[in-house]
Amino acid sequence: MNEIHPSESPLRTIPPLAALLAFERAATQLSFRRAARDLSLSPSAISHQIRGLEEQFGVKLFIRGTRAVRLTPEGERYLAKVSAALATLQEASREMTRQRRDGGGELWISSLPFFTSAVLLPALPEFKRRHPALTLRIEATHQYADFNVSRVDLAIRYGREHSAGLKFEPLVEVKGLPVCTPALAKAGLRRPEDLAGAVLIHLTTQPRAWPAWLKEAGLPQLQPRGHLWLDSVPAMLEAAEQGLGVTLAMAPLIRARPGFGRKLVAPFDFMPARGETIYLVTRTEQARDRRIAAVRRWIAEAVRKAS
């Protein structure tokens, strides 16, 4: 019988999982930047992992351009093999997770913070009444959920980021609606032009939201009295309720917020022609999962009530 020495072990030829994940994401997205976002890493970290693979194999996996990257023939062949191997590992891990959950007593939801507070939380008592044996674990975050490495079952997100194996179902189209306290509105906010005398409250992760709204309103050059930057939609709305300025809320969902019409009002009638769609994201393989279907129906009903 042949004897395998440690130096000849096939395990020594397998690169680190982190490098394989970095390669798969970058090769699928054809972007180190998007791969970095998906894996919560920096683009330089993705580049370092891929460079390590290229040095290990002695071949180039990517052709790097000034604005984009593309796979070499060797990279394309390696992607096919790596994708299949990761899919096998992923399915094995999901099977273990399903067994641990003992039939699925809980589901994990990754949701936008404002959607969580305005839509999901008010509807939770009804969900518990209908499904007392099912526990929901809700993470309110602006980060995109990584279905490949996290335990998330459903996600609620802006926009359709291309990703294989995911199903996107539109929930609601939202548009930016300026809101402020009644006192600020009465003090001189009657037309969009009056924002020149106001403080605009921004979300740090959406720096183009106000400029885009002002452009739609025909006021691309408008300069407000000041700016206030905050890191979450709930914080923005609370700041607006404190009279600190004017913020952009999600219409029509903002109307479900307690105190809307009393603590916060919309001083203008103008509404942008285009909005953004909020999607419910799930794995395509879970299309027939009864637990997912129950949560999907509940969320769709909660959206209708909040709108």
Protein backbone atom coordinates (compact mmCIF):
# COMPACT_ATOMS: atom_id res chain seq x y z
CA MET A 1 0.00 0.00 0.00
CA ASN A 2 1.32 3.43 -0.89
CA GLU A 3 2.13 5.66 2.04
CA ILE A 4 1.28 9.37 1.91
CA HIS A 5 3.76 11.58 3.67
CA PRO A 6 2.56 14.83 5.30
CA SER A 7 4.42 16.88 2.70
CA GLU A 8 2.44 15.08 -0.03
CA SER A 9 -0.95 15.47 1.64
CA PRO A 10 -3.61 16.76 -0.78
CA LEU A 11 -4.79 19.15 1.92
CA ARG A 12 -1.60 21.14 1.42
CA THR A 13 -2.75 22.10 -2.09
CA ILE A 14 -6.10 23.51 -0.94
CA PRO A 15 -5.96 27.31 -0.49
CA PRO A 16 -7.53 28.97 2.58
CA LEU A 17 -11.32 29.25 2.48
CA ALA A 18 -11.07 33.05 2.78
CA ALA A 19 -9.08 33.17 -0.45
CA LEU A 20 -11.55 30.91 -2.26
CA LEU A 21 -14.49 33.05 -1.12
CA ALA A 22 -12.70 36.21 -2.22
CA PHE A 23 -11.97 34.69 -5.63
CA GLU A 24 -15.52 33.38 -6.12
CA ARG A 25 -17.12 36.73 -5.24
CA ALA A 26 -14.70 38.76 -7.37
CA ALA A 27 -15.03 36.35 -10.30
CA THR A 28 -18.83 36.29 -10.10
CA GLN A 29 -19.17 40.05 -9.71
CA LEU A 30 -16.17 40.90 -11.94
CA SER A 31 -15.43 43.59 -9.38
CA PHE A 32 -13.07 43.61 -6.41
CA ARG A 33 -15.10 46.47 -4.92
CA ARG A 34 -18.42 44.58 -4.99
CA ALA A 35 -16.71 41.43 -3.73
CA ALA A 36 -15.31 43.44 -0.83
CA ARG A 37 -18.77 44.75 0.01
CA ASP A 38 -20.30 41.27 -0.12
CA LEU A 39 -17.66 39.88 2.24
CA SER A 40 -17.39 42.98 4.47
CA LEU A 41 -13.72 43.40 3.55
CA SER A 42 -11.66 46.10 1.88
CA PRO A 43 -10.89 45.92 -1.86
CA SER A 44 -7.20 45.69 -1.00
CA ALA A 45 -7.91 42.61 1.15
CA ILE A 46 -9.70 40.96 -1.78
CA SER A 47 -6.79 41.82 -4.07
CA HIS A 48 -4.32 40.39 -1.54
CA GLN A 49 -6.20 37.07 -1.30
CA ILE A 50 -6.39 36.71 -5.07
CA ARG A 51 -2.74 37.61 -5.51
CA GLY A 52 -1.93 34.83 -3.04
CA LEU A 53 -3.85 32.33 -5.18
CA GLU A 54 -2.08 33.48 -8.33
CA GLU A 55 1.31 33.11 -6.63
CA GLN A 56 0.40 29.65 -5.34
CA PHE A 57 -0.69 28.42 -8.77
CA GLY A 58 1.79 30.39 -10.83
CA VAL A 59 -0.93 31.67 -13.20
CA LYS A 60 -2.96 34.84 -13.60
CA LEU A 61 -6.63 34.45 -12.69
CA PHE A 62 -7.70 37.98 -13.62
CA ILE A 63 -6.83 40.56 -16.24
CA ARG A 64 -6.89 43.85 -14.38
CA GLY A 65 -8.00 47.00 -16.17
CA THR A 66 -8.24 50.58 -14.98
CA ARG A 67 -11.99 50.36 -14.37
CA ALA A 68 -12.81 46.65 -14.49
CA VAL A 69 -11.42 43.15 -14.24
CA ARG A 70 -12.10 40.04 -16.29
CA LEU A 71 -11.19 36.39 -15.92
CA THR A 72 -8.40 34.70 -17.76
CA PRO A 73 -9.16 31.27 -19.29
CA GLU A 74 -7.47 29.71 -16.26
CA GLY A 75 -9.63 31.86 -14.00
CA GLU A 76 -12.81 30.78 -15.77
CA ARG A 77 -11.93 27.10 -15.38
CA TYR A 78 -11.03 27.57 -11.73
CA LEU A 79 -14.27 29.49 -11.04
CA ALA A 80 -16.37 26.59 -12.31
CA LYS A 81 -14.61 24.17 -9.97
CA VAL A 82 -14.56 26.52 -6.96
CA SER A 83 -18.25 27.44 -7.37
CA ALA A 84 -19.24 23.79 -7.41
CA ALA A 85 -17.13 23.03 -4.35
CA LEU A 86 -18.49 26.00 -2.39
CA ALA A 87 -22.06 25.05 -3.35
CA THR A 88 -21.45 21.58 -1.93
CA LEU A 89 -20.06 23.02 1.30
CA GLN A 90 -22.92 25.49 1.50
CA GLU A 91 -25.57 22.78 1.10
CA ALA A 92 -23.87 20.60 3.71
CA SER A 93 -23.83 23.53 6.16
CA ARG A 94 -27.47 24.35 5.50
CA GLU A 95 -28.41 20.73 6.11
CA MET A 96 -26.63 20.84 9.45
CA THR A 97 -28.41 24.11 10.30
CA ARG A 98 -31.80 22.64 9.39
CA GLN A 99 -31.13 19.66 11.65
CA ARG A 100 -30.04 21.93 14.52
CA ARG A 101 -33.21 23.97 14.20
CA ASP A 102 -35.21 20.76 14.67
CA GLY A 103 -37.76 21.33 12.00
CA GLY A 104 -37.32 25.09 11.75
CA GLY A 105 -38.54 26.67 14.97
CA GLU A 106 -36.91 30.00 14.11
CA LEU A 107 -36.20 32.21 11.12
CA TRP A 108 -33.62 34.98 10.75
CA ILE A 109 -34.62 38.23 9.02
CA SER A 110 -32.20 40.97 7.97
CA SER A 111 -34.17 44.18 7.50
CA LEU A 112 -33.65 47.88 6.91
CA PRO A 113 -33.93 49.74 10.26
CA PHE A 114 -36.82 52.01 9.25
CA PHE A 115 -38.72 49.15 7.60
CA THR A 116 -38.26 47.18 10.81
CA SER A 117 -39.68 49.92 13.04
CA ALA A 118 -42.43 51.12 10.69
CA VAL A 119 -43.65 47.84 9.24
CA LEU A 120 -42.42 44.72 11.02
CA LEU A 121 -42.59 45.63 14.71
CA PRO A 122 -46.22 46.87 14.66
CA ALA A 123 -47.22 43.63 12.91
CA LEU A 124 -45.32 41.26 15.20
CA PRO A 125 -48.20 40.58 17.64
CA GLU A 126 -50.36 39.36 14.76
CA PHE A 127 -47.57 37.09 13.52
CA LYS A 128 -47.12 35.57 16.98
CA ARG A 129 -50.86 35.00 17.21
CA ARG A 130 -50.87 33.13 13.90
CA HIS A 131 -47.59 31.26 14.33
CA PRO A 132 -46.88 30.79 18.04
CA ALA A 133 -44.34 28.00 17.44
CA LEU A 134 -42.18 30.04 15.04
CA THR A 135 -39.59 32.45 16.43
CA LEU A 136 -38.37 35.40 14.38
CA ARG A 137 -34.91 36.83 14.90
CA ILE A 138 -34.78 40.27 13.28
CA GLU A 139 -31.55 42.16 12.64
CA ALA A 140 -32.13 45.82 11.75
CA THR A 141 -29.19 46.86 9.57
CA HIS A 142 -28.26 48.71 6.38
CA GLN A 143 -25.66 46.03 5.53
CA TYR A 144 -26.49 43.64 2.71
CA ALA A 145 -27.12 40.15 4.04
CA ASP A 146 -24.65 37.55 2.80
CA PHE A 147 -26.74 34.45 2.18
CA ASN A 148 -23.58 32.42 1.49
CA VAL A 149 -21.98 32.71 4.90
CA SER A 150 -24.67 33.94 7.31
CA ARG A 151 -27.71 32.20 8.79
CA VAL A 152 -30.17 34.76 7.41
CA ASP A 153 -33.32 33.28 5.83
CA LEU A 154 -34.96 36.45 4.49
CA ALA A 155 -33.69 39.96 3.80
CA ILE A 156 -35.45 43.24 3.07
CA ARG A 157 -33.34 45.52 0.91
CA TYR A 158 -33.26 48.38 -1.57
CA GLY A 159 -32.54 47.45 -5.16
CA ARG A 160 -31.70 44.23 -6.95
CA GLU A 161 -28.05 43.42 -6.46
CA HIS A 162 -27.24 40.61 -8.89
CA SER A 163 -26.52 37.43 -7.01
CA ALA A 164 -26.99 33.86 -8.17
CA GLY A 165 -29.41 31.71 -6.23
CA LEU A 166 -31.51 34.54 -4.77
CA LYS A 167 -35.13 35.44 -5.43
CA PHE A 168 -36.17 39.12 -5.37
CA GLU A 169 -39.83 39.97 -4.80
CA PRO A 170 -40.92 43.64 -4.90
CA LEU A 171 -42.64 44.78 -1.72
CA VAL A 172 -43.20 48.50 -2.15
CA GLU A 173 -41.89 51.49 -4.10
CA VAL A 174 -40.75 54.29 -1.83
CA LYS A 175 -40.03 57.93 -2.67
CA GLY A 176 -38.28 60.66 -0.74
CA LEU A 177 -40.69 62.90 1.15
CA PRO A 178 -39.34 65.91 3.10
CA VAL A 179 -40.71 65.97 6.66
CA CYS A 180 -40.28 68.34 9.59
CA THR A 181 -42.11 69.57 12.66
CA PRO A 182 -45.33 71.57 12.21
CA ALA A 183 -43.55 74.55 13.77
CA LEU A 184 -40.82 74.53 11.12
CA ALA A 185 -43.40 74.18 8.37
CA LYS A 186 -45.38 77.15 9.67
CA ALA A 187 -42.18 79.20 10.01
CA GLY A 188 -41.78 79.42 6.26
CA LEU A 189 -41.53 76.02 4.55
CA ARG A 190 -44.23 76.27 1.91
CA ARG A 191 -42.32 75.49 -1.30
CA PRO A 192 -39.19 73.42 -2.06
CA GLU A 193 -37.33 76.69 -2.67
CA ASP A 194 -37.77 77.51 1.03
CA LEU A 195 -35.30 74.73 1.91
CA ALA A 196 -32.60 77.34 1.35
CA GLY A 197 -33.34 78.56 4.84
CA ALA A 198 -33.41 75.11 6.46
CA VAL A 199 -30.99 72.52 7.82
CA LEU A 200 -31.06 69.31 5.77
CA ILE A 201 -30.73 66.05 7.69
CA HIS A 202 -28.82 63.39 5.72
CA LEU A 203 -28.23 59.65 6.02
CA THR A 204 -24.48 58.99 5.90
CA THR A 205 -24.90 55.87 3.75
CA GLN A 206 -27.00 57.76 1.17
CA PRO A 207 -25.14 61.02 0.52
CA ARG A 208 -26.84 61.51 -2.86
CA ALA A 209 -30.42 61.33 -1.54
CA TRP A 210 -30.96 65.05 -0.96
CA PRO A 211 -29.06 66.18 -4.08
CA ALA A 212 -31.16 63.78 -6.18
CA TRP A 213 -34.38 65.05 -4.62
CA LEU A 214 -33.41 68.69 -5.19
CA LYS A 215 -32.52 67.93 -8.81
CA GLU A 216 -35.94 66.31 -9.34
CA ALA A 217 -37.52 69.41 -7.81
CA GLY A 218 -35.65 71.60 -10.29
CA LEU A 219 -33.33 73.03 -7.62
CA PRO A 220 -29.92 71.41 -8.24
CA GLN A 221 -28.04 74.54 -7.12
CA LEU A 222 -29.96 75.14 -3.89
CA GLN A 223 -27.73 75.71 -0.85
CA PRO A 224 -29.43 75.07 2.52
CA ARG A 225 -28.65 76.91 5.72
CA GLY A 226 -26.84 73.86 7.07
CA HIS A 227 -26.40 70.08 7.09
CA LEU A 228 -26.74 67.37 9.74
CA TRP A 229 -25.45 63.85 9.06
CA LEU A 230 -26.73 60.79 10.94
CA ASP A 231 -26.12 57.07 10.52
CA SER A 232 -29.66 55.65 10.60
CA VAL A 233 -33.14 56.53 9.38
CA PRO A 234 -34.69 56.29 12.87
CA ALA A 235 -32.07 58.78 14.14
CA MET A 236 -32.87 61.12 11.25
CA LEU A 237 -36.57 61.03 12.00
CA GLU A 238 -35.97 61.61 15.70
CA ALA A 239 -33.77 64.59 14.88
CA ALA A 240 -36.51 65.98 12.66
CA GLU A 241 -39.05 65.48 15.45
CA GLN A 242 -36.74 67.49 17.72
CA GLY A 243 -36.96 70.38 15.27
CA LEU A 244 -33.33 70.11 14.15
CA GLY A 245 -34.11 70.29 10.45
CA VAL A 246 -35.83 68.67 7.49
CA THR A 247 -35.19 65.04 6.55
CA LEU A 248 -36.23 62.74 3.73
CA ALA A 249 -38.63 60.02 4.79
CA MET A 250 -39.87 56.99 2.87
CA ALA A 251 -43.31 57.64 1.47
CA PRO A 252 -45.75 55.97 1.83
CA LEU A 253 -44.29 54.01 4.79
CA ILE A 254 -43.66 57.17 6.85
CA ARG A 255 -47.41 57.55 7.28
CA ALA A 256 -47.38 54.46 9.50
CA ARG A 257 -44.97 56.07 11.97
CA PRO A 258 -46.68 56.99 15.25
CA GLY A 259 -47.02 60.74 15.45
CA PHE A 260 -46.96 61.41 11.72
CA GLY A 261 -49.26 64.36 11.07
CA ARG A 262 -48.69 65.59 14.61
CA LYS A 263 -44.95 65.40 15.37
CA LEU A 264 -43.92 65.33 11.73
CA VAL A 265 -45.62 66.77 8.66
CA ALA A 266 -44.85 66.96 4.94
CA PRO A 267 -44.64 70.67 4.11
CA PHE A 268 -44.65 70.23 0.30
CA ASP A 269 -46.92 68.51 -2.19
CA PHE A 270 -44.04 67.77 -4.58
CA MET A 271 -43.16 64.08 -5.01
CA PRO A 272 -40.32 62.76 -7.25
CA ALA A 273 -41.40 60.89 -10.35
CA ARG A 274 -39.06 57.99 -9.65
CA GLY A 275 -38.62 56.02 -6.47
CA GLU A 276 -36.75 52.98 -5.24
CA THR A 277 -38.15 49.51 -4.78
CA ILE A 278 -37.81 47.59 -1.54
CA TYR A 279 -37.47 43.87 -2.15
CA LEU A 280 -37.97 40.73 -0.13
CA VAL A 281 -34.94 38.51 -0.79
CA THR A 282 -34.85 34.76 -0.20
CA ARG A 283 -32.94 31.76 -1.49
CA THR A 284 -34.52 30.25 -4.60
CA GLU A 285 -34.13 26.79 -3.14
CA GLN A 286 -36.45 27.74 -0.26
CA ALA A 287 -39.36 28.63 -2.54
CA ARG A 288 -41.49 25.79 -1.14
CA ASP A 289 -40.49 26.22 2.50
CA ARG A 290 -43.75 26.67 4.40
CA ARG A 291 -42.08 28.79 7.08
CA ILE A 292 -40.71 31.19 4.45
CA ALA A 293 -44.11 31.32 2.77
CA ALA A 294 -45.80 32.20 6.09
CA VAL A 295 -43.35 35.03 6.76
CA ARG A 296 -43.66 36.26 3.16
CA ARG A 297 -47.46 36.52 3.48
CA TRP A 298 -47.14 38.28 6.83
CA ILE A 299 -44.65 40.85 5.52
CA ALA A 300 -46.73 41.56 2.40
CA GLU A 301 -49.82 42.14 4.56
CA ALA A 302 -47.85 44.35 6.96
CA VAL A 303 -46.65 46.47 4.02
CA ARG A 304 -50.23 46.93 2.78
CA LYS A 305 -51.34 48.07 6.22
CA ALA A 306 -48.38 50.45 6.57
CA SER A 307 -48.92 51.97 3.13
